[in-house]
Amino acid sequence: LVRICRFLPARPLLELGTSCSDFYHRARNSKELWKGLCSFLLGETTLMLHESSWSSSSSMLGSTAEFYRRLFRAAWSCEDFCYDH
């Protein structure tokens, strides 16, 4: 599944809710898939920065598939992805 999803363009991958429910749940809950995509899009250093800064937050669990999926979605859309200086 992870290998197949890595060949999909980002937009269809983010919109998997319209696919069959089994495929949707497997892709949505795949930590390996979302972490790999985040690593590819952001790079290892930036990914590690986000992992360490969110690891202490109670609102997001720092190393779950949900965390990486939300991070990828934010980085891809760039709307909510900014740094506070």
N, C-alpha and C. Protein backbone atom coordinates (compact mmCIF):
# COMPACT_ATOMS: atom_id res chain seq x y z
N LEU A 1 0.82 -1.20 0.00
CA LEU A 1 0.00 0.00 0.00
C LEU A 1 0.86 1.25 0.00
N VAL A 2 1.86 1.27 0.85
CA VAL A 2 2.73 2.45 0.93
C VAL A 2 3.41 2.69 -0.40
N ARG A 3 3.86 1.65 -1.02
CA ARG A 3 4.54 1.78 -2.31
C ARG A 3 3.60 2.33 -3.38
N ILE A 4 2.37 1.86 -3.40
CA ILE A 4 1.39 2.34 -4.37
C ILE A 4 1.08 3.82 -4.12
N CYS A 5 0.86 4.18 -2.87
CA CYS A 5 0.50 5.55 -2.53
C CYS A 5 1.61 6.54 -2.85
N ARG A 6 2.84 6.10 -2.80
CA ARG A 6 3.95 7.00 -3.11
C ARG A 6 3.98 7.42 -4.57
N PHE A 7 3.28 6.69 -5.44
CA PHE A 7 3.22 7.06 -6.85
C PHE A 7 2.05 7.99 -7.16
N LEU A 8 1.15 8.18 -6.21
CA LEU A 8 0.01 9.06 -6.43
C LEU A 8 0.41 10.52 -6.29
N PRO A 9 -0.17 11.40 -7.09
CA PRO A 9 0.05 12.83 -6.87
C PRO A 9 -0.52 13.23 -5.50
N ALA A 10 -0.03 14.30 -4.95
CA ALA A 10 -0.41 14.71 -3.59
C ALA A 10 -1.91 14.98 -3.45
N ARG A 11 -2.51 15.70 -4.38
CA ARG A 11 -3.92 16.07 -4.24
C ARG A 11 -4.82 14.84 -4.15
N PRO A 12 -4.72 13.87 -5.07
CA PRO A 12 -5.56 12.67 -4.93
C PRO A 12 -5.27 11.89 -3.65
N LEU A 13 -4.03 11.88 -3.22
CA LEU A 13 -3.68 11.17 -1.99
C LEU A 13 -4.35 11.82 -0.79
N LEU A 14 -4.40 13.14 -0.77
CA LEU A 14 -5.05 13.84 0.33
C LEU A 14 -6.56 13.71 0.28
N GLU A 15 -7.11 13.35 -0.87
CA GLU A 15 -8.56 13.23 -1.03
C GLU A 15 -9.01 11.76 -1.10
N LEU A 16 -8.36 10.91 -0.37
CA LEU A 16 -8.69 9.49 -0.41
C LEU A 16 -10.04 9.16 0.20
N GLY A 17 -10.70 10.13 0.80
CA GLY A 17 -12.00 9.88 1.41
C GLY A 17 -13.05 9.44 0.41
N THR A 18 -12.83 9.70 -0.86
CA THR A 18 -13.79 9.30 -1.88
C THR A 18 -13.55 7.89 -2.40
N SER A 19 -12.48 7.25 -1.92
CA SER A 19 -12.18 5.89 -2.36
C SER A 19 -12.87 4.87 -1.45
N CYS A 20 -12.61 3.62 -1.67
CA CYS A 20 -13.22 2.59 -0.83
C CYS A 20 -12.73 2.75 0.61
N SER A 21 -13.56 2.41 1.54
CA SER A 21 -13.27 2.68 2.95
C SER A 21 -12.05 1.92 3.45
N ASP A 22 -11.83 0.69 2.99
CA ASP A 22 -10.67 -0.07 3.44
C ASP A 22 -9.37 0.60 3.00
N PHE A 23 -9.30 0.99 1.75
CA PHE A 23 -8.11 1.68 1.24
C PHE A 23 -7.91 3.01 1.96
N TYR A 24 -8.99 3.73 2.17
CA TYR A 24 -8.94 5.02 2.87
C TYR A 24 -8.36 4.86 4.27
N HIS A 25 -8.87 3.91 5.04
CA HIS A 25 -8.40 3.73 6.43
C HIS A 25 -6.96 3.23 6.49
N ARG A 26 -6.60 2.35 5.59
CA ARG A 26 -5.22 1.85 5.58
C ARG A 26 -4.23 2.97 5.24
N ALA A 27 -4.58 3.77 4.26
CA ALA A 27 -3.69 4.88 3.88
C ALA A 27 -3.65 5.95 4.97
N ARG A 28 -4.80 6.27 5.50
CA ARG A 28 -4.88 7.31 6.52
C ARG A 28 -4.10 6.93 7.78
N ASN A 29 -4.07 5.67 8.14
CA ASN A 29 -3.41 5.22 9.36
C ASN A 29 -2.00 4.69 9.14
N SER A 30 -1.43 4.92 7.98
CA SER A 30 -0.08 4.44 7.68
C SER A 30 0.96 5.49 8.08
N LYS A 31 1.55 5.28 9.23
CA LYS A 31 2.59 6.19 9.71
C LYS A 31 3.77 6.21 8.74
N GLU A 32 4.14 5.05 8.22
CA GLU A 32 5.27 4.95 7.29
C GLU A 32 5.03 5.81 6.04
N LEU A 33 3.83 5.77 5.50
CA LEU A 33 3.50 6.55 4.30
C LEU A 33 3.63 8.03 4.57
N TRP A 34 2.96 8.53 5.58
CA TRP A 34 2.92 9.98 5.84
C TRP A 34 4.26 10.51 6.31
N LYS A 35 4.98 9.74 7.11
CA LYS A 35 6.31 10.18 7.54
C LYS A 35 7.26 10.24 6.35
N GLY A 36 7.18 9.26 5.46
CA GLY A 36 8.02 9.26 4.26
C GLY A 36 7.72 10.44 3.35
N LEU A 37 6.45 10.76 3.19
CA LEU A 37 6.08 11.90 2.36
C LEU A 37 6.53 13.21 2.98
N CYS A 38 6.40 13.33 4.30
CA CYS A 38 6.89 14.53 4.99
C CYS A 38 8.39 14.68 4.85
N SER A 39 9.09 13.58 4.99
CA SER A 39 10.55 13.60 4.86
C SER A 39 10.95 14.03 3.45
N PHE A 40 10.26 13.52 2.45
CA PHE A 40 10.57 13.88 1.06
C PHE A 40 10.27 15.36 0.79
N LEU A 41 9.13 15.84 1.28
CA LEU A 41 8.70 17.21 1.01
C LEU A 41 9.49 18.23 1.83
N LEU A 42 9.71 17.94 3.11
CA LEU A 42 10.33 18.92 4.01
C LEU A 42 11.83 18.74 4.21
N GLY A 43 12.30 17.51 4.05
CA GLY A 43 13.69 17.20 4.36
C GLY A 43 13.80 16.70 5.79
N GLU A 44 14.84 15.95 6.06
CA GLU A 44 15.01 15.32 7.37
C GLU A 44 15.14 16.34 8.49
N THR A 45 15.89 17.41 8.26
CA THR A 45 16.14 18.40 9.32
C THR A 45 14.86 19.11 9.73
N THR A 46 14.09 19.57 8.77
CA THR A 46 12.84 20.26 9.08
C THR A 46 11.84 19.31 9.72
N LEU A 47 11.82 18.07 9.26
CA LEU A 47 10.93 17.08 9.86
C LEU A 47 11.30 16.84 11.32
N MET A 48 12.56 16.72 11.61
CA MET A 48 13.01 16.53 12.99
C MET A 48 12.66 17.73 13.86
N LEU A 49 12.74 18.93 13.29
CA LEU A 49 12.37 20.14 14.01
C LEU A 49 10.90 20.10 14.41
N HIS A 50 10.03 19.72 13.48
CA HIS A 50 8.60 19.63 13.78
C HIS A 50 8.30 18.51 14.77
N GLU A 51 8.96 17.38 14.61
CA GLU A 51 8.75 16.27 15.55
C GLU A 51 9.11 16.69 16.97
N SER A 52 10.25 17.36 17.13
CA SER A 52 10.67 17.74 18.49
C SER A 52 9.82 18.87 19.05
N SER A 53 9.40 19.81 18.21
CA SER A 53 8.60 20.92 18.74
C SER A 53 7.18 20.51 19.09
N TRP A 54 6.64 19.49 18.38
CA TRP A 54 5.27 19.05 18.67
C TRP A 54 5.22 17.87 19.64
N SER A 55 6.37 17.30 19.98
CA SER A 55 6.36 16.10 20.82
C SER A 55 5.82 16.37 22.22
N SER A 56 5.95 17.60 22.70
CA SER A 56 5.46 17.90 24.04
C SER A 56 4.02 18.43 24.03
N SER A 57 3.45 18.63 22.86
CA SER A 57 2.09 19.16 22.75
C SER A 57 1.06 18.08 23.04
N SER A 58 0.04 18.45 23.79
CA SER A 58 -1.02 17.48 24.09
C SER A 58 -2.06 17.42 22.97
N SER A 59 -2.10 18.44 22.12
CA SER A 59 -3.12 18.46 21.06
C SER A 59 -2.75 17.56 19.88
N MET A 60 -1.47 17.27 19.68
CA MET A 60 -1.04 16.40 18.59
C MET A 60 -0.04 15.40 19.14
N LEU A 61 -0.25 14.18 18.86
CA LEU A 61 0.69 13.16 19.29
C LEU A 61 1.84 13.12 18.29
N GLY A 62 3.03 13.43 18.75
CA GLY A 62 4.18 13.70 17.90
C GLY A 62 4.65 12.63 16.95
N SER A 63 4.28 11.39 17.12
CA SER A 63 4.80 10.38 16.19
C SER A 63 3.71 9.43 15.72
N THR A 64 2.55 9.95 15.43
CA THR A 64 1.45 9.13 14.93
C THR A 64 1.21 9.41 13.45
N ALA A 65 0.48 8.54 12.81
CA ALA A 65 0.14 8.75 11.41
C ALA A 65 -0.65 10.05 11.25
N GLU A 66 -1.52 10.34 12.19
CA GLU A 66 -2.32 11.58 12.15
C GLU A 66 -1.42 12.81 12.17
N PHE A 67 -0.40 12.81 13.01
CA PHE A 67 0.54 13.93 13.08
C PHE A 67 1.21 14.16 11.73
N TYR A 68 1.75 13.10 11.14
CA TYR A 68 2.45 13.24 9.87
C TYR A 68 1.50 13.59 8.73
N ARG A 69 0.29 13.06 8.76
CA ARG A 69 -0.70 13.40 7.73
C ARG A 69 -1.05 14.87 7.80
N ARG A 70 -1.28 15.38 9.01
CA ARG A 70 -1.61 16.81 9.18
C ARG A 70 -0.43 17.71 8.80
N LEU A 71 0.77 17.28 9.14
CA LEU A 71 1.96 18.04 8.78
C LEU A 71 2.13 18.10 7.26
N PHE A 72 1.92 16.96 6.60
CA PHE A 72 2.03 16.93 5.14
C PHE A 72 0.96 17.81 4.50
N ARG A 73 -0.25 17.73 4.99
CA ARG A 73 -1.34 18.55 4.46
C ARG A 73 -1.03 20.04 4.62
N ALA A 74 -0.53 20.43 5.78
CA ALA A 74 -0.19 21.84 6.02
C ALA A 74 0.96 22.29 5.12
N ALA A 75 1.98 21.45 4.99
CA ALA A 75 3.12 21.81 4.15
C ALA A 75 2.73 21.88 2.68
N TRP A 76 1.86 20.99 2.26
CA TRP A 76 1.46 20.96 0.85
C TRP A 76 0.62 22.18 0.49
N SER A 77 -0.31 22.56 1.36
CA SER A 77 -1.19 23.69 1.04
C SER A 77 -0.53 25.03 1.33
N CYS A 78 0.43 25.04 2.24
CA CYS A 78 1.18 26.24 2.63
C CYS A 78 0.32 27.35 3.23
N GLU A 79 -0.96 27.12 3.44
CA GLU A 79 -1.82 28.16 4.01
C GLU A 79 -1.57 28.34 5.50
N ASP A 80 -1.49 27.24 6.22
CA ASP A 80 -1.31 27.30 7.66
C ASP A 80 0.11 26.96 8.08
N PHE A 81 1.00 26.90 7.13
CA PHE A 81 2.36 26.44 7.42
C PHE A 81 3.28 27.66 7.47
N CYS A 82 3.51 28.15 8.66
CA CYS A 82 4.39 29.32 8.81
C CYS A 82 5.14 29.21 10.13
N TYR A 83 6.19 29.99 10.24
CA TYR A 83 7.00 30.02 11.44
C TYR A 83 6.78 31.33 12.18
N ASP A 84 6.67 31.28 13.48
CA ASP A 84 6.59 32.47 14.29
C ASP A 84 8.00 32.93 14.64
N HIS A 85 8.30 34.14 14.31
CA HIS A 85 9.63 34.68 14.64
C HIS A 85 9.48 35.70 15.72
